[in-house]
Amino acid sequence: MKQGTMQKWHRTRSGYLVFSVFELVIAYGFGSLSIARGNLWWYLLTIIFLIGALKNLFHLIGAYIHGKF
């Protein structure tokens, strides 16, 4: 199976950084909506995007520590 260009770029340092910031912004937006509206679905979406952002940040830190990419 061949990887796409976006998938290859996502696994670089800049890709991890951009995706983690993007997911943090989305999580912030959903978090604001969940606080304002009190809907559990918004809280769930906030948690999902926050976990994705943390995953990308940990991959970014690991890439800098181990000198990959």
Foldseek 3Di string as FASTA:
>chain_A
DDDDPLVVQCLDLVNLVVLLVVLQVVLVVLVVVCVVPVDVVSVVSSVVSNVVSVVSVVSNVVCVVVVHD
